[in-house]
Amino acid sequence: MNCLPIGTFSAWRRTRLVLFLAAFGLLPADRQAWSGNEANFVLYDHHTEKQGTVSVMLLNDFGRGAPGEPSYSAQMLMIERAMTDQWETELMMEGQKTSGEGYQYTGWRWENRYRLFDYGTFLNPGLYVEYENLKPTTKYVMEISGRTDKPENTERNTERILETRLILGQDLSDKLSVSFNWINETDIFVNTAGRTDFGYALGLNYMIYNAKGGEARHPGVGAYPHQHAAAAGADDGRWGIAHIKLGAELFGGLGDTSLGMTINPAITEHYLGLNVMTHLQNGFHFMIGGAVGLTEVSQRGLVRLGVGYEFN
């Protein structure tokens, strides 16, 4: 993420951040949208799709920057395939339009996720590896890491980042799951190799509605509904609702290996997001959500939209 101007940190925002961190800290660190995000945009869980499943999704961010920063819109096109029941790979392409500037393509990402064990494993772990080839002007918020007081690099127009995550997830019931992500982003450009930014994401997903007769997601996991049970009715072209999920996520930066780890709200971004995802019986899925910045150096707010289709 680019450095943002550091303003005077308000006592209200500091208090609000502490309260939200405390609230989420009461949740078990265990954790369904597309491709393991469930009804969240940043947080991933331990679930993976059936082998051969292909998903396409277009995501849109509409953001109000930090104080002094312009508003913008950012897009990401995601194409994912489940190579096995445990391994998913995905290509992502990004672009953005900042107020007062022209639209620009900002780069691409290649993501791979692997679930290590069978469902039912306690705090079921997953491994995540992503290569990012992005311009510093990229805007889509897929993660937050590092700190805002690190020096900007103005010598190159492409950033090459290796992102890794440890994903821990747990199905608590047939409706509720929780998860936690530890995020590392390492700049692998030759002149700055070795600096790693740290971040986190944690949250939950709750099934608000599941159509009668929806198939179980994973046998032996408390009849937890399959995130794409909609695909079961894809052949008949029905537009009925298969299920609706609510997602909540808290995410932010935790410093880096160069200037040190920190959760100082004057120099780290933190956000709270709330989202709703709906899967239809014909394979389409829609998502709407938002996130609010919890510190002065965070963006003031994000409106987030997504539309996709699953080929099963």
C-alpha atoms as a PDB file:
ATOM      1  CA  MET A   1       0.000   0.000   0.000  1.00  0.00           C
ATOM      2  CA  ASN A   2       1.179   3.551  -0.686  1.00  0.00           C
ATOM      3  CA  CYS A   3       2.078   5.795   2.213  1.00  0.00           C
ATOM      4  CA  LEU A   4      -0.744   8.066   3.357  1.00  0.00           C
ATOM      5  CA  PRO A   5      -0.416  11.432   5.103  1.00  0.00           C
ATOM      6  CA  ILE A   6      -0.408  11.047   8.863  1.00  0.00           C
ATOM      7  CA  GLY A   7      -2.946  13.313  10.572  1.00  0.00           C
ATOM      8  CA  THR A   8      -3.676  13.994  14.196  1.00  0.00           C
ATOM      9  CA  PHE A   9      -5.066  10.822  15.691  1.00  0.00           C
ATOM     10  CA  SER A  10      -8.428  11.433  17.353  1.00  0.00           C
ATOM     11  CA  ALA A  11      -9.248   9.962  20.737  1.00  0.00           C
ATOM     12  CA  TRP A  12     -12.585   8.724  19.331  1.00  0.00           C
ATOM     13  CA  ARG A  13     -10.960   6.717  16.544  1.00  0.00           C
ATOM     14  CA  ARG A  14      -8.433   5.264  18.986  1.00  0.00           C
ATOM     15  CA  THR A  15     -11.242   4.215  21.312  1.00  0.00           C
ATOM     16  CA  ARG A  16     -13.283   2.787  18.441  1.00  0.00           C
ATOM     17  CA  LEU A  17     -10.346   0.670  17.232  1.00  0.00           C
ATOM     18  CA  VAL A  18      -9.685  -0.712  20.714  1.00  0.00           C
ATOM     19  CA  LEU A  19     -13.351  -1.615  21.160  1.00  0.00           C
ATOM     20  CA  PHE A  20     -13.555  -3.452  17.830  1.00  0.00           C
ATOM     21  CA  LEU A  21     -10.303  -5.306  18.443  1.00  0.00           C
ATOM     22  CA  ALA A  22     -11.557  -6.375  21.838  1.00  0.00           C
ATOM     23  CA  ALA A  23     -14.914  -7.500  20.446  1.00  0.00           C
ATOM     24  CA  PHE A  24     -13.365  -9.654  17.745  1.00  0.00           C
ATOM     25  CA  GLY A  25     -10.794 -10.965  20.184  1.00  0.00           C
ATOM     26  CA  LEU A  26     -13.634 -12.741  21.982  1.00  0.00           C
ATOM     27  CA  LEU A  27     -14.308 -14.840  18.892  1.00  0.00           C
ATOM     28  CA  PRO A  28     -12.591 -18.213  18.482  1.00  0.00           C
ATOM     29  CA  ALA A  29      -9.785 -17.953  15.928  1.00  0.00           C
ATOM     30  CA  ASP A  30     -11.152 -20.612  13.663  1.00  0.00           C
ATOM     31  CA  ARG A  31     -14.473 -20.057   9.627  1.00  0.00           C
ATOM     32  CA  GLN A  32     -18.340 -19.306   3.011  1.00  0.00           C
ATOM     33  CA  ALA A  33     -18.596 -15.999  -1.205  1.00  0.00           C
ATOM     34  CA  TRP A  34     -16.529 -17.438  -3.787  1.00  0.00           C
ATOM     35  CA  SER A  35     -13.167 -19.186  -3.615  1.00  0.00           C
ATOM     36  CA  GLY A  36     -12.807 -19.369   0.139  1.00  0.00           C
ATOM     37  CA  ASN A  37     -13.695 -15.751   0.913  1.00  0.00           C
ATOM     38  CA  GLU A  38     -17.221 -16.721   1.918  1.00  0.00           C
ATOM     39  CA  ALA A  39     -19.161 -13.449   2.363  1.00  0.00           C
ATOM     40  CA  ASN A  40     -15.984 -11.401   2.808  1.00  0.00           C
ATOM     41  CA  PHE A  41     -13.635  -9.479   0.524  1.00  0.00           C
ATOM     42  CA  VAL A  42     -10.317  -9.763   2.420  1.00  0.00           C
ATOM     43  CA  LEU A  43     -10.694 -12.733   4.769  1.00  0.00           C
ATOM     44  CA  TYR A  44     -10.142 -16.287   3.453  1.00  0.00           C
ATOM     45  CA  ASP A  45     -11.289 -19.506   5.112  1.00  0.00           C
ATOM     46  CA  HIS A  46     -10.292 -23.182   4.878  1.00  0.00           C
ATOM     47  CA  HIS A  47     -13.015 -24.269   2.446  1.00  0.00           C
ATOM     48  CA  THR A  48     -12.131 -25.263  -1.115  1.00  0.00           C
ATOM     49  CA  GLU A  49     -14.262 -26.132  -4.130  1.00  0.00           C
ATOM     50  CA  LYS A  50     -14.812 -29.485  -5.821  1.00  0.00           C
ATOM     51  CA  GLN A  51     -12.248 -30.438  -8.449  1.00  0.00           C
ATOM     52  CA  GLY A  52     -13.025 -28.922 -11.856  1.00  0.00           C
ATOM     53  CA  THR A  53     -15.166 -26.048 -10.582  1.00  0.00           C
ATOM     54  CA  VAL A  54     -14.517 -22.761 -12.432  1.00  0.00           C
ATOM     55  CA  SER A  55     -15.624 -19.389 -11.047  1.00  0.00           C
ATOM     56  CA  VAL A  56     -15.537 -15.914 -12.625  1.00  0.00           C
ATOM     57  CA  MET A  57     -16.185 -12.755 -10.617  1.00  0.00           C
ATOM     58  CA  LEU A  58     -15.978  -8.984 -11.169  1.00  0.00           C
ATOM     59  CA  LEU A  59     -15.378  -6.906  -8.040  1.00  0.00           C
ATOM     60  CA  ASN A  60     -15.698  -3.153  -7.591  1.00  0.00           C
ATOM     61  CA  ASP A  61     -14.443  -0.838  -4.833  1.00  0.00           C
ATOM     62  CA  PHE A  62     -15.695   2.721  -4.424  1.00  0.00           C
ATOM     63  CA  GLY A  63     -13.461   4.431  -1.898  1.00  0.00           C
ATOM     64  CA  ARG A  64     -13.140   7.699  -0.024  1.00  0.00           C
ATOM     65  CA  GLY A  65      -9.444   8.172   0.606  1.00  0.00           C
ATOM     66  CA  ALA A  66      -7.778   9.191   3.845  1.00  0.00           C
ATOM     67  CA  PRO A  67      -8.020  12.913   4.674  1.00  0.00           C
ATOM     68  CA  GLY A  68      -6.431  14.839   1.816  1.00  0.00           C
ATOM     69  CA  GLU A  69      -6.659  11.901  -0.604  1.00  0.00           C
ATOM     70  CA  PRO A  70      -9.093  11.813  -3.595  1.00  0.00           C
ATOM     71  CA  SER A  71     -11.988   9.412  -4.064  1.00  0.00           C
ATOM     72  CA  TYR A  72     -11.609   6.530  -6.531  1.00  0.00           C
ATOM     73  CA  SER A  73     -13.124   3.383  -8.011  1.00  0.00           C
ATOM     74  CA  ALA A  74     -11.166   0.166  -8.497  1.00  0.00           C
ATOM     75  CA  GLN A  75     -11.971  -3.104 -10.265  1.00  0.00           C
ATOM     76  CA  MET A  76     -10.693  -6.664 -10.113  1.00  0.00           C
ATOM     77  CA  LEU A  77     -11.551  -9.508 -12.503  1.00  0.00           C
ATOM     78  CA  MET A  78     -11.027 -12.942 -10.942  1.00  0.00           C
ATOM     79  CA  ILE A  79     -10.919 -16.301 -12.751  1.00  0.00           C
ATOM     80  CA  GLU A  80     -10.507 -19.367 -10.542  1.00  0.00           C
ATOM     81  CA  ARG A  81     -10.292 -23.120 -11.061  1.00  0.00           C
ATOM     82  CA  ALA A  82     -10.248 -25.912  -8.498  1.00  0.00           C
ATOM     83  CA  MET A  83      -7.401 -28.153  -9.654  1.00  0.00           C
ATOM     84  CA  THR A  84      -8.192 -30.738  -6.958  1.00  0.00           C
ATOM     85  CA  ASP A  85     -10.608 -30.864  -4.033  1.00  0.00           C
ATOM     86  CA  GLN A  86      -7.880 -29.217  -1.931  1.00  0.00           C
ATOM     87  CA  TRP A  87      -6.005 -26.912  -4.363  1.00  0.00           C
ATOM     88  CA  GLU A  88      -7.406 -23.815  -6.082  1.00  0.00           C
ATOM     89  CA  THR A  89      -5.558 -21.444  -8.427  1.00  0.00           C
ATOM     90  CA  GLU A  90      -6.684 -18.020  -9.572  1.00  0.00           C
ATOM     91  CA  LEU A  91      -5.704 -15.198 -11.947  1.00  0.00           C
ATOM     92  CA  MET A  92      -6.675 -11.616 -11.016  1.00  0.00           C
ATOM     93  CA  MET A  93      -6.412  -8.431 -13.107  1.00  0.00           C
ATOM     94  CA  GLU A  94      -6.849  -4.921 -11.689  1.00  0.00           C
ATOM     95  CA  GLY A  95      -7.600  -1.368 -12.788  1.00  0.00           C
ATOM     96  CA  GLN A  96      -8.629   1.911 -11.169  1.00  0.00           C
ATOM     97  CA  LYS A  97      -9.997   5.406 -11.807  1.00  0.00           C
ATOM     98  CA  THR A  98      -8.995   8.183  -9.406  1.00  0.00           C
ATOM     99  CA  SER A  99     -10.937  11.434  -9.308  1.00  0.00           C
ATOM    100  CA  GLY A 100      -9.391  13.910 -11.758  1.00  0.00           C
ATOM    101  CA  GLU A 101      -7.304  11.254 -13.546  1.00  0.00           C
ATOM    102  CA  GLY A 102      -7.817   8.802 -16.413  1.00  0.00           C
ATOM    103  CA  TYR A 103      -8.569   5.093 -16.049  1.00  0.00           C
ATOM    104  CA  GLN A 104      -5.535   2.823 -15.859  1.00  0.00           C
ATOM    105  CA  TYR A 105      -4.786  -0.890 -15.817  1.00  0.00           C
ATOM    106  CA  THR A 106      -2.669  -1.508 -12.717  1.00  0.00           C
ATOM    107  CA  GLY A 107      -1.478  -5.114 -12.995  1.00  0.00           C
ATOM    108  CA  TRP A 108      -2.206  -8.724 -12.116  1.00  0.00           C
ATOM    109  CA  ARG A 109      -1.961 -11.363  -9.400  1.00  0.00           C
ATOM    110  CA  TRP A 110      -1.634 -15.153  -9.452  1.00  0.00           C
ATOM    111  CA  GLU A 111      -3.000 -16.871  -6.356  1.00  0.00           C
ATOM    112  CA  ASN A 112      -2.837 -20.469  -5.097  1.00  0.00           C
ATOM    113  CA  ARG A 113      -4.531 -21.904  -1.996  1.00  0.00           C
ATOM    114  CA  TYR A 114      -4.180 -25.385  -0.548  1.00  0.00           C
ATOM    115  CA  ARG A 115      -6.167 -26.988   2.280  1.00  0.00           C
ATOM    116  CA  LEU A 116      -3.870 -29.286   4.213  1.00  0.00           C
ATOM    117  CA  PHE A 117      -6.292 -31.660   5.956  1.00  0.00           C
ATOM    118  CA  ASP A 118      -9.768 -33.146   5.671  1.00  0.00           C
ATOM    119  CA  TYR A 119     -12.786 -31.234   6.935  1.00  0.00           C
ATOM    120  CA  GLY A 120     -13.404 -31.696  10.623  1.00  0.00           C
ATOM    121  CA  THR A 121      -9.792 -30.973  11.588  1.00  0.00           C
ATOM    122  CA  PHE A 122      -9.600 -28.509  14.471  1.00  0.00           C
ATOM    123  CA  LEU A 123      -8.552 -25.031  13.302  1.00  0.00           C
ATOM    124  CA  ASN A 124      -8.232 -26.507   9.813  1.00  0.00           C
ATOM    125  CA  PRO A 125      -5.152 -24.857   8.254  1.00  0.00           C
ATOM    126  CA  GLY A 126      -4.706 -23.699   4.686  1.00  0.00           C
ATOM    127  CA  LEU A 127      -1.677 -22.281   2.873  1.00  0.00           C
ATOM    128  CA  TYR A 128      -1.898 -19.306   0.505  1.00  0.00           C
ATOM    129  CA  VAL A 129       0.769 -18.095  -1.959  1.00  0.00           C
ATOM    130  CA  GLU A 130       0.269 -15.178  -4.349  1.00  0.00           C
ATOM    131  CA  TYR A 131       2.572 -13.399  -6.793  1.00  0.00           C
ATOM    132  CA  GLU A 132       1.701  -9.730  -7.398  1.00  0.00           C
ATOM    133  CA  ASN A 133       2.889  -7.685 -10.378  1.00  0.00           C
ATOM    134  CA  LEU A 134       1.246  -4.333  -9.688  1.00  0.00           C
ATOM    135  CA  LYS A 135       1.773  -0.626 -10.215  1.00  0.00           C
ATOM    136  CA  PRO A 136       2.141   1.447  -7.023  1.00  0.00           C
ATOM    137  CA  THR A 137      -1.072   3.209  -8.120  1.00  0.00           C
ATOM    138  CA  THR A 138      -3.186   0.089  -7.674  1.00  0.00           C
ATOM    139  CA  LYS A 139      -6.220   0.737  -5.461  1.00  0.00           C
ATOM    140  CA  TYR A 140      -8.270  -2.441  -5.018  1.00  0.00           C
ATOM    141  CA  VAL A 141      -8.169  -3.495  -1.356  1.00  0.00           C
ATOM    142  CA  MET A 142      -7.466  -7.203  -1.212  1.00  0.00           C
ATOM    143  CA  GLU A 143      -5.388  -6.979   1.960  1.00  0.00           C
ATOM    144  CA  ILE A 144      -3.797  -4.392   4.268  1.00  0.00           C
ATOM    145  CA  SER A 145      -0.270  -4.832   5.584  1.00  0.00           C
ATOM    146  CA  GLY A 146       2.751  -2.910   6.812  1.00  0.00           C
ATOM    147  CA  ARG A 147       2.734   0.670   8.085  1.00  0.00           C
ATOM    148  CA  THR A 148       2.165   4.099   6.550  1.00  0.00           C
ATOM    149  CA  ASP A 149       5.409   5.751   7.695  1.00  0.00           C
ATOM    150  CA  LYS A 150       7.677   3.647   5.464  1.00  0.00           C
ATOM    151  CA  PRO A 151       9.405   5.617   2.681  1.00  0.00           C
ATOM    152  CA  GLU A 152       7.770   5.581  -0.744  1.00  0.00           C
ATOM    153  CA  ASN A 153       9.728   4.058  -3.623  1.00  0.00           C
ATOM    154  CA  THR A 154       9.575   6.438  -6.580  1.00  0.00           C
ATOM    155  CA  GLU A 155      12.229   4.696  -8.692  1.00  0.00           C
ATOM    156  CA  ARG A 156      10.041   1.999 -10.268  1.00  0.00           C
ATOM    157  CA  ASN A 157       6.583   1.751 -11.745  1.00  0.00           C
ATOM    158  CA  THR A 158       6.000  -1.938 -10.939  1.00  0.00           C
ATOM    159  CA  GLU A 159       6.005  -3.683  -7.585  1.00  0.00           C
ATOM    160  CA  ARG A 160       6.709  -7.417  -7.437  1.00  0.00           C
ATOM    161  CA  ILE A 161       5.363  -8.838  -4.198  1.00  0.00           C
ATOM    162  CA  LEU A 162       5.189 -12.392  -2.854  1.00  0.00           C
ATOM    163  CA  GLU A 163       2.206 -12.657  -0.496  1.00  0.00           C
ATOM    164  CA  THR A 164       1.745 -15.643   1.784  1.00  0.00           C
ATOM    165  CA  ARG A 165      -0.959 -16.375   4.334  1.00  0.00           C
ATOM    166  CA  LEU A 166      -1.579 -18.906   7.048  1.00  0.00           C
ATOM    167  CA  ILE A 167      -5.320 -19.549   7.078  1.00  0.00           C
ATOM    168  CA  LEU A 168      -7.018 -21.083  10.115  1.00  0.00           C
ATOM    169  CA  GLY A 169     -10.715 -21.922   9.945  1.00  0.00           C
ATOM    170  CA  GLN A 170     -13.363 -23.651  12.018  1.00  0.00           C
ATOM    171  CA  ASP A 171     -17.014 -24.562  11.355  1.00  0.00           C
ATOM    172  CA  LEU A 172     -18.797 -23.925  14.658  1.00  0.00           C
ATOM    173  CA  SER A 173     -22.239 -25.057  13.498  1.00  0.00           C
ATOM    174  CA  ASP A 174     -24.294 -25.632  10.375  1.00  0.00           C
ATOM    175  CA  LYS A 175     -24.697 -21.831  10.097  1.00  0.00           C
ATOM    176  CA  LEU A 176     -21.628 -20.218  11.650  1.00  0.00           C
ATOM    177  CA  SER A 177     -17.921 -20.390  10.823  1.00  0.00           C
ATOM    178  CA  VAL A 178     -14.959 -18.265  11.901  1.00  0.00           C
ATOM    179  CA  SER A 179     -11.403 -17.832  10.608  1.00  0.00           C
ATOM    180  CA  PHE A 180      -8.106 -15.988  10.979  1.00  0.00           C
ATOM    181  CA  ASN A 181      -5.434 -15.037   8.398  1.00  0.00           C
ATOM    182  CA  TRP A 182      -1.826 -14.097   9.154  1.00  0.00           C
ATOM    183  CA  ILE A 183      -0.551 -12.152   6.123  1.00  0.00           C
ATOM    184  CA  ASN A 184       3.042 -11.629   4.922  1.00  0.00           C
ATOM    185  CA  GLU A 185       3.952  -9.469   1.904  1.00  0.00           C
ATOM    186  CA  THR A 186       7.605  -9.610   0.807  1.00  0.00           C
ATOM    187  CA  ASP A 187       8.991  -7.173  -1.743  1.00  0.00           C
ATOM    188  CA  ILE A 188      11.117  -9.362  -4.021  1.00  0.00           C
ATOM    189  CA  PHE A 189      12.500  -6.511  -6.152  1.00  0.00           C
ATOM    190  CA  VAL A 190      16.289  -6.842  -6.166  1.00  0.00           C
ATOM    191  CA  ASN A 191      16.959  -3.451  -4.521  1.00  0.00           C
ATOM    192  CA  THR A 192      14.616  -3.972  -1.581  1.00  0.00           C
ATOM    193  CA  ALA A 193      14.514  -7.758  -1.198  1.00  0.00           C
ATOM    194  CA  GLY A 194      14.064  -8.911   2.359  1.00  0.00           C
ATOM    195  CA  ARG A 195      11.537  -6.406   3.705  1.00  0.00           C
ATOM    196  CA  THR A 196       8.306  -8.096   4.690  1.00  0.00           C
ATOM    197  CA  ASP A 197       5.079  -6.307   5.625  1.00  0.00           C
ATOM    198  CA  PHE A 198       2.740  -8.011   8.097  1.00  0.00           C
ATOM    199  CA  GLY A 199      -1.043  -7.916   8.307  1.00  0.00           C
ATOM    200  CA  TYR A 200      -4.058  -9.805   9.597  1.00  0.00           C
ATOM    201  CA  ALA A 201      -7.708 -10.545   8.874  1.00  0.00           C
ATOM    202  CA  LEU A 202     -10.239 -12.233  11.129  1.00  0.00           C
ATOM    203  CA  GLY A 203     -13.975 -12.610  11.136  1.00  0.00           C
ATOM    204  CA  LEU A 204     -17.023 -14.782  10.661  1.00  0.00           C
ATOM    205  CA  ASN A 205     -19.671 -15.977   8.228  1.00  0.00           C
ATOM    206  CA  TYR A 206     -23.263 -16.679   9.176  1.00  0.00           C
ATOM    207  CA  MET A 207     -25.914 -18.398   7.059  1.00  0.00           C
ATOM    208  CA  ILE A 208     -29.017 -16.185   7.141  1.00  0.00           C
ATOM    209  CA  TYR A 209     -31.072 -18.269   4.723  1.00  0.00           C
ATOM    210  CA  ASN A 210     -30.650 -21.643   3.041  1.00  0.00           C
ATOM    211  CA  ALA A 211     -33.242 -22.920   0.546  1.00  0.00           C
ATOM    212  CA  LYS A 212     -34.994 -26.148   1.482  1.00  0.00           C
ATOM    213  CA  GLY A 213     -33.176 -29.129   0.058  1.00  0.00           C
ATOM    214  CA  GLY A 214     -29.807 -27.377  -0.309  1.00  0.00           C
ATOM    215  CA  GLU A 215     -27.001 -29.927  -0.441  1.00  0.00           C
ATOM    216  CA  ALA A 216     -24.588 -30.332   2.438  1.00  0.00           C
ATOM    217  CA  ARG A 217     -21.358 -28.531   1.807  1.00  0.00           C
ATOM    218  CA  HIS A 218     -18.944 -30.986   3.303  1.00  0.00           C
ATOM    219  CA  PRO A 219     -20.089 -34.367   4.617  1.00  0.00           C
ATOM    220  CA  GLY A 220     -19.315 -34.724   8.292  1.00  0.00           C
ATOM    221  CA  VAL A 221     -19.056 -30.985   8.979  1.00  0.00           C
ATOM    222  CA  GLY A 222     -22.349 -30.487  10.718  1.00  0.00           C
ATOM    223  CA  ALA A 223     -24.308 -30.300   7.447  1.00  0.00           C
ATOM    224  CA  TYR A 224     -22.612 -26.987   6.713  1.00  0.00           C
ATOM    225  CA  PRO A 225     -24.203 -25.880   3.410  1.00  0.00           C
ATOM    226  CA  HIS A 226     -22.056 -25.851   0.303  1.00  0.00           C
ATOM    227  CA  GLN A 227     -21.145 -22.271  -0.587  1.00  0.00           C
ATOM    228  CA  HIS A 228     -22.176 -22.965  -4.165  1.00  0.00           C
ATOM    229  CA  ALA A 229     -25.128 -25.228  -3.604  1.00  0.00           C
ATOM    230  CA  ALA A 230     -26.634 -22.961  -6.258  1.00  0.00           C
ATOM    231  CA  ALA A 231     -24.687 -24.933  -8.821  1.00  0.00           C
ATOM    232  CA  ALA A 232     -26.913 -27.922  -8.170  1.00  0.00           C
ATOM    233  CA  GLY A 233     -29.711 -26.061  -9.938  1.00  0.00           C
ATOM    234  CA  ALA A 234     -27.580 -24.435 -12.605  1.00  0.00           C
ATOM    235  CA  ASP A 235     -28.940 -26.628 -15.413  1.00  0.00           C
ATOM    236  CA  ASP A 236     -32.559 -25.540 -14.963  1.00  0.00           C
ATOM    237  CA  GLY A 237     -31.777 -21.822 -15.168  1.00  0.00           C
ATOM    238  CA  ARG A 238     -33.799 -20.901 -12.072  1.00  0.00           C
ATOM    239  CA  TRP A 239     -33.339 -17.452 -10.514  1.00  0.00           C
ATOM    240  CA  GLY A 240     -34.474 -18.444  -7.039  1.00  0.00           C
ATOM    241  CA  ILE A 241     -32.274 -17.780  -4.019  1.00  0.00           C
ATOM    242  CA  ALA A 242     -30.192 -20.762  -2.915  1.00  0.00           C
ATOM    243  CA  HIS A 243     -28.775 -19.116   0.175  1.00  0.00           C
ATOM    244  CA  ILE A 244     -27.804 -15.798   1.767  1.00  0.00           C
ATOM    245  CA  LYS A 245     -24.766 -15.243   3.973  1.00  0.00           C
ATOM    246  CA  LEU A 246     -23.629 -12.456   6.250  1.00  0.00           C
ATOM    247  CA  GLY A 247     -19.908 -11.828   6.649  1.00  0.00           C
ATOM    248  CA  ALA A 248     -17.999  -9.628   9.102  1.00  0.00           C
ATOM    249  CA  GLU A 249     -14.268  -8.988   8.878  1.00  0.00           C
ATOM    250  CA  LEU A 250     -11.636  -6.978  10.736  1.00  0.00           C
ATOM    251  CA  PHE A 251      -8.330  -6.425   8.936  1.00  0.00           C
ATOM    252  CA  GLY A 252      -5.258  -4.218   9.078  1.00  0.00           C
ATOM    253  CA  GLY A 253      -1.484  -3.786   9.136  1.00  0.00           C
ATOM    254  CA  LEU A 254       0.969  -4.996  11.777  1.00  0.00           C
ATOM    255  CA  GLY A 255       4.229  -3.291  10.775  1.00  0.00           C
ATOM    256  CA  ASP A 256       7.229  -4.711   8.923  1.00  0.00           C
ATOM    257  CA  THR A 257      10.697  -6.181   9.309  1.00  0.00           C
ATOM    258  CA  SER A 258      12.393  -2.883   8.454  1.00  0.00           C
ATOM    259  CA  LEU A 259      10.850  -0.375  10.870  1.00  0.00           C
ATOM    260  CA  GLY A 260       9.393  -2.933  13.270  1.00  0.00           C
ATOM    261  CA  MET A 261       6.076  -4.583  14.085  1.00  0.00           C
ATOM    262  CA  THR A 262       3.392  -2.348  15.564  1.00  0.00           C
ATOM    263  CA  ILE A 263      -0.348  -1.806  15.901  1.00  0.00           C
ATOM    264  CA  ASN A 264       0.129   1.920  16.578  1.00  0.00           C
ATOM    265  CA  PRO A 265      -3.082   3.406  15.125  1.00  0.00           C
ATOM    266  CA  ALA A 266      -1.215   6.575  14.111  1.00  0.00           C
ATOM    267  CA  ILE A 267       0.814   4.645  11.529  1.00  0.00           C
ATOM    268  CA  THR A 268      -1.202   1.489  10.726  1.00  0.00           C
ATOM    269  CA  GLU A 269      -4.461   1.088   8.810  1.00  0.00           C
ATOM    270  CA  HIS A 270      -7.326  -0.950  10.285  1.00  0.00           C
ATOM    271  CA  TYR A 271     -10.819  -1.569   8.902  1.00  0.00           C
ATOM    272  CA  LEU A 272     -14.089  -3.169   9.919  1.00  0.00           C
ATOM    273  CA  GLY A 273     -16.251  -4.619   7.117  1.00  0.00           C
ATOM    274  CA  LEU A 274     -19.786  -5.995   6.910  1.00  0.00           C
ATOM    275  CA  ASN A 275     -21.002  -7.834   3.791  1.00  0.00           C
ATOM    276  CA  VAL A 276     -23.906  -9.859   2.393  1.00  0.00           C
ATOM    277  CA  MET A 277     -23.644 -12.493  -0.343  1.00  0.00           C
ATOM    278  CA  THR A 278     -26.488 -14.167  -2.230  1.00  0.00           C
ATOM    279  CA  HIS A 279     -26.177 -17.310  -4.371  1.00  0.00           C
ATOM    280  CA  LEU A 280     -28.896 -18.057  -6.909  1.00  0.00           C
ATOM    281  CA  GLN A 281     -29.956 -21.498  -8.065  1.00  0.00           C
ATOM    282  CA  ASN A 282     -28.609 -20.890 -11.586  1.00  0.00           C
ATOM    283  CA  GLY A 283     -24.972 -20.375 -10.516  1.00  0.00           C
ATOM    284  CA  PHE A 284     -24.909 -16.569 -10.303  1.00  0.00           C
ATOM    285  CA  HIS A 285     -23.798 -14.908  -7.084  1.00  0.00           C
ATOM    286  CA  PHE A 286     -23.935 -11.302  -5.915  1.00  0.00           C
ATOM    287  CA  MET A 287     -22.170  -9.534  -3.089  1.00  0.00           C
ATOM    288  CA  ILE A 288     -22.470  -6.114  -1.475  1.00  0.00           C
ATOM    289  CA  GLY A 289     -20.608  -4.740   1.489  1.00  0.00           C
ATOM    290  CA  GLY A 290     -18.679  -1.916   3.007  1.00  0.00           C
ATOM    291  CA  ALA A 291     -15.755  -1.169   5.271  1.00  0.00           C
ATOM    292  CA  VAL A 292     -15.024   1.753   7.563  1.00  0.00           C
ATOM    293  CA  GLY A 293     -11.557   2.976   8.454  1.00  0.00           C
ATOM    294  CA  LEU A 294     -10.783   2.802  12.172  1.00  0.00           C
ATOM    295  CA  THR A 295      -7.716   5.078  12.242  1.00  0.00           C
ATOM    296  CA  GLU A 296      -6.812   8.502  10.847  1.00  0.00           C
ATOM    297  CA  VAL A 297      -4.415   7.010   8.306  1.00  0.00           C
ATOM    298  CA  SER A 298      -7.065   4.599   7.026  1.00  0.00           C
ATOM    299  CA  GLN A 299      -9.375   5.376   4.171  1.00  0.00           C
ATOM    300  CA  ARG A 300     -12.596   6.903   5.469  1.00  0.00           C
ATOM    301  CA  GLY A 301     -14.789   4.261   3.881  1.00  0.00           C
ATOM    302  CA  LEU A 302     -15.307   1.700   1.121  1.00  0.00           C
ATOM    303  CA  VAL A 303     -18.407   0.512  -0.729  1.00  0.00           C
ATOM    304  CA  ARG A 304     -17.755  -2.948  -2.218  1.00  0.00           C
ATOM    305  CA  LEU A 305     -19.720  -4.797  -4.914  1.00  0.00           C
ATOM    306  CA  GLY A 306     -19.278  -8.121  -6.707  1.00  0.00           C
ATOM    307  CA  VAL A 307     -21.050 -10.242  -9.308  1.00  0.00           C
ATOM    308  CA  GLY A 308     -19.972 -13.692 -10.482  1.00  0.00           C
ATOM    309  CA  TYR A 309     -20.894 -17.037 -11.973  1.00  0.00           C
ATOM    310  CA  GLU A 310     -19.792 -20.582 -11.199  1.00  0.00           C
ATOM    311  CA  PHE A 311     -19.358 -23.256 -13.847  1.00  0.00           C
ATOM    312  CA  ASN A 312     -19.671 -26.636 -12.202  1.00  0.00           C
END
